[in-house]
Amino acid sequence: MIGAAGENPGVDAGVAAVVGAAIGGGLAGLTAVGTSWLSLRTARLQLKSQESEAARQRRFEGLRERREPRAKAYADFLAISHEVVDLIITGRQDVPEALMAHVSRMHKLHATVAVWGPETVADAAAEIVVATALVMSRLKLEEPPEAVQVGMSTLVNAPLQRFTEVARSALEDNGTDPHSAVSPPGR
């Protein structure tokens, strides 16, 4: 047995060494657990940040890849729409027949715009097609067409202006607004 203090100095030093080693080992173990926990937490935060950045990058790339063909579809549709307005303004006798060919091309280009979207742009394009068809039918019925054509271009100009605005908005949209005209991929 262990005697009173000072009676067995070899045992007291041994016990003190064992107790000291146990306490040191316990503290080292706690330090290792704490360090591991902090490292794990840091790694999880880094992983979450990397996943968020990768998702943002994919969304940006997806928007960029869709923006280029969208811009071309919008530009093609705008070009033919401006041709229609110019044709109406000319006041020529053959305007209704010429408009018929343009309406056919507009339908095809509207289909492309509708595929690339968004819906607001497709709807605005449809308004132009409808307005052009209305002008065409009115010009066929009215005698003489030149007298009617003066005010007819405004029927197409108003939807054309709306289409231009919503198309520009759709192309400028970066997809970060939850109520944006363009929904990013995966949303």
Protein backbone atom coordinates (compact mmCIF):
# COMPACT_ATOMS: atom_id res chain seq x y z
CA MET A 1 0.00 0.00 0.00
CA ILE A 2 0.86 3.54 -0.25
CA GLY A 3 1.85 5.10 2.95
CA ALA A 4 1.47 8.66 4.15
CA ALA A 5 2.99 11.43 2.20
CA GLY A 6 6.72 11.27 2.14
CA GLU A 7 6.91 7.65 3.40
CA ASN A 8 7.05 6.09 -0.06
CA PRO A 9 8.62 8.68 -2.43
CA GLY A 10 9.10 6.17 -5.33
CA VAL A 11 5.46 5.30 -5.44
CA ASP A 12 4.35 8.95 -5.18
CA ALA A 13 6.51 9.90 -8.16
CA GLY A 14 5.22 6.91 -10.16
CA VAL A 15 1.61 7.68 -9.39
CA ALA A 16 2.20 11.33 -10.22
CA ALA A 17 3.82 10.34 -13.53
CA VAL A 18 0.91 8.03 -14.44
CA VAL A 19 -1.70 10.60 -13.44
CA GLY A 20 0.22 13.32 -15.30
CA ALA A 21 0.50 11.14 -18.38
CA ALA A 22 -3.23 10.33 -18.24
CA ILE A 23 -4.17 13.98 -17.89
CA GLY A 24 -1.75 14.96 -20.70
CA GLY A 25 -3.08 12.19 -22.92
CA GLY A 26 -6.68 13.19 -22.21
CA LEU A 27 -5.96 16.82 -23.01
CA ALA A 28 -4.11 15.82 -26.19
CA GLY A 29 -7.06 13.63 -27.17
CA LEU A 30 -9.53 16.45 -26.52
CA THR A 31 -7.35 18.81 -28.53
CA ALA A 32 -7.25 16.30 -31.40
CA VAL A 33 -11.05 15.85 -31.29
CA GLY A 34 -11.58 19.63 -31.22
CA THR A 35 -9.15 20.15 -34.09
CA SER A 36 -10.78 17.36 -36.09
CA TRP A 37 -14.22 18.83 -35.50
CA LEU A 38 -13.06 22.28 -36.62
CA SER A 39 -11.35 20.77 -39.69
CA LEU A 40 -14.51 18.83 -40.58
CA ARG A 41 -16.65 21.93 -40.17
CA THR A 42 -14.26 23.97 -42.33
CA ALA A 43 -14.23 21.25 -44.98
CA ARG A 44 -18.04 21.14 -45.03
CA LEU A 45 -18.24 24.93 -45.37
CA GLN A 46 -15.69 24.85 -48.20
CA LEU A 47 -17.60 22.07 -49.96
CA LYS A 48 -20.87 23.99 -49.62
CA SER A 49 -19.20 27.12 -50.98
CA GLN A 50 -17.70 25.19 -53.91
CA GLU A 51 -21.06 23.58 -54.71
CA SER A 52 -22.75 26.99 -54.61
CA GLU A 53 -20.11 28.49 -56.90
CA ALA A 54 -20.37 25.53 -59.31
CA ALA A 55 -24.17 25.92 -59.43
CA ARG A 56 -23.81 29.65 -60.07
CA GLN A 57 -21.30 28.97 -62.84
CA ARG A 58 -23.58 26.34 -64.45
CA ARG A 59 -26.51 28.75 -64.30
CA PHE A 60 -24.42 31.51 -65.88
CA GLU A 61 -23.16 29.20 -68.65
CA GLY A 62 -26.68 27.93 -69.30
CA LEU A 63 -28.00 31.47 -69.61
CA ARG A 64 -25.13 32.46 -71.89
CA GLU A 65 -25.68 29.43 -74.11
CA ARG A 66 -29.37 30.24 -74.42
CA ARG A 67 -28.84 34.00 -74.85
CA GLU A 68 -26.98 33.77 -78.19
CA PRO A 69 -29.60 31.81 -80.18
CA ARG A 70 -32.33 33.79 -78.45
CA ALA A 71 -30.76 37.05 -79.57
CA LYS A 72 -30.57 35.77 -83.15
CA ALA A 73 -34.22 34.65 -83.12
CA TYR A 74 -35.31 38.00 -81.70
CA ALA A 75 -33.20 39.95 -84.21
CA ASP A 76 -34.57 37.95 -87.16
CA PHE A 77 -38.12 38.52 -85.99
CA LEU A 78 -37.48 42.24 -85.45
CA ALA A 79 -35.98 42.54 -88.93
CA ILE A 80 -39.04 41.10 -90.66
CA SER A 81 -41.34 43.16 -88.44
CA HIS A 82 -39.56 46.34 -89.50
CA GLU A 83 -39.82 45.21 -93.13
CA VAL A 84 -43.58 44.89 -92.61
CA VAL A 85 -43.87 48.41 -91.19
CA ASP A 86 -41.76 49.79 -94.05
CA LEU A 87 -43.90 47.91 -96.56
CA ILE A 88 -47.12 49.28 -95.07
CA ILE A 89 -45.75 52.83 -95.12
CA THR A 90 -44.77 52.64 -98.82
CA GLY A 91 -48.42 52.81 -99.89
CA ARG A 92 -47.92 50.59 -102.94
CA GLN A 93 -50.86 48.78 -104.52
CA ASP A 94 -49.30 45.33 -104.04
CA VAL A 95 -48.91 45.72 -100.26
CA PRO A 96 -51.54 43.11 -99.31
CA GLU A 97 -49.89 40.45 -101.50
CA ALA A 98 -46.42 41.35 -100.24
CA LEU A 99 -47.69 41.24 -96.65
CA MET A 100 -48.98 37.72 -97.24
CA ALA A 101 -45.43 36.51 -97.95
CA HIS A 102 -44.14 38.37 -94.90
CA VAL A 103 -46.83 36.91 -92.63
CA SER A 104 -45.78 33.42 -93.70
CA ARG A 105 -42.15 34.18 -92.78
CA MET A 106 -43.29 35.84 -89.55
CA HIS A 107 -45.14 32.67 -88.51
CA LYS A 108 -41.96 30.64 -88.95
CA LEU A 109 -39.85 33.15 -87.06
CA HIS A 110 -42.51 33.41 -84.34
CA ALA A 111 -42.22 29.65 -83.86
CA THR A 112 -38.48 30.05 -83.26
CA VAL A 113 -39.06 32.91 -80.83
CA ALA A 114 -41.69 30.84 -79.01
CA VAL A 115 -39.28 27.92 -78.65
CA TRP A 116 -36.52 30.10 -77.21
CA GLY A 117 -39.00 32.03 -75.06
CA PRO A 118 -39.68 33.30 -72.55
CA GLU A 119 -43.45 33.41 -72.77
CA THR A 120 -43.67 37.21 -72.56
CA VAL A 121 -41.49 37.58 -75.64
CA ALA A 122 -43.40 34.89 -77.55
CA ASP A 123 -46.69 36.59 -76.68
CA ALA A 124 -45.38 39.97 -77.87
CA ALA A 125 -44.24 38.37 -81.14
CA ALA A 126 -47.67 36.80 -81.58
CA GLU A 127 -49.24 40.26 -81.18
CA ILE A 128 -47.15 41.51 -84.10
CA VAL A 129 -48.19 38.59 -86.29
CA VAL A 130 -51.86 39.15 -85.45
CA ALA A 131 -51.56 42.90 -86.08
CA THR A 132 -49.87 42.26 -89.44
CA ALA A 133 -52.59 39.81 -90.45
CA LEU A 134 -55.22 42.37 -89.44
CA VAL A 135 -53.55 45.07 -91.51
CA MET A 136 -53.30 42.69 -94.46
CA SER A 137 -57.00 41.82 -94.33
CA ARG A 138 -58.02 45.47 -93.90
CA LEU A 139 -55.91 46.52 -96.87
CA LYS A 140 -57.48 43.83 -99.02
CA LEU A 141 -60.97 45.04 -98.15
CA GLU A 142 -60.44 48.80 -98.28
CA GLU A 143 -60.56 50.81 -101.49
CA PRO A 144 -58.17 52.46 -102.21
CA PRO A 145 -55.56 50.84 -99.91
CA GLU A 146 -53.27 53.88 -100.00
CA ALA A 147 -55.77 55.91 -98.00
CA VAL A 148 -55.89 53.32 -95.25
CA GLN A 149 -52.18 52.56 -95.08
CA VAL A 150 -51.29 55.83 -93.41
CA GLY A 151 -52.71 54.73 -90.04
CA MET A 152 -52.06 51.01 -90.47
CA SER A 153 -48.39 51.12 -89.54
CA THR A 154 -49.36 52.20 -86.01
CA LEU A 155 -51.26 48.92 -85.60
CA VAL A 156 -47.98 47.06 -86.02
CA ASN A 157 -45.71 49.66 -84.40
CA ALA A 158 -47.26 49.42 -80.92
CA PRO A 159 -46.78 45.63 -80.58
CA LEU A 160 -43.37 45.98 -82.23
CA GLN A 161 -42.31 48.43 -79.54
CA ARG A 162 -43.58 46.08 -76.82
CA PHE A 163 -41.73 43.13 -78.40
CA THR A 164 -38.51 45.15 -78.49
CA GLU A 165 -38.82 46.03 -74.80
CA VAL A 166 -39.58 42.52 -73.55
CA ALA A 167 -36.94 40.98 -75.83
CA ARG A 168 -34.30 43.38 -74.50
CA SER A 169 -35.40 42.64 -70.95
CA ALA A 170 -35.16 38.89 -71.56
CA LEU A 171 -31.67 39.21 -73.03
CA GLU A 172 -30.45 41.40 -70.16
CA ASP A 173 -31.91 39.13 -67.48
CA ASN A 174 -29.19 37.23 -65.63
CA GLY A 175 -31.59 34.85 -63.89
CA THR A 176 -30.85 35.99 -60.33
CA ASP A 177 -34.27 37.55 -59.73
CA PRO A 178 -36.75 34.85 -58.61
CA HIS A 179 -39.46 36.60 -60.65
CA SER A 180 -37.31 37.08 -63.72
CA ALA A 181 -38.52 36.66 -67.27
CA VAL A 182 -35.85 34.06 -67.85
CA SER A 183 -35.76 31.04 -65.65
CA PRO A 184 -32.27 29.63 -65.29
CA PRO A 185 -31.70 25.95 -65.99
CA GLY A 186 -32.83 23.73 -63.16
CA ARG A 187 -35.39 26.19 -61.83
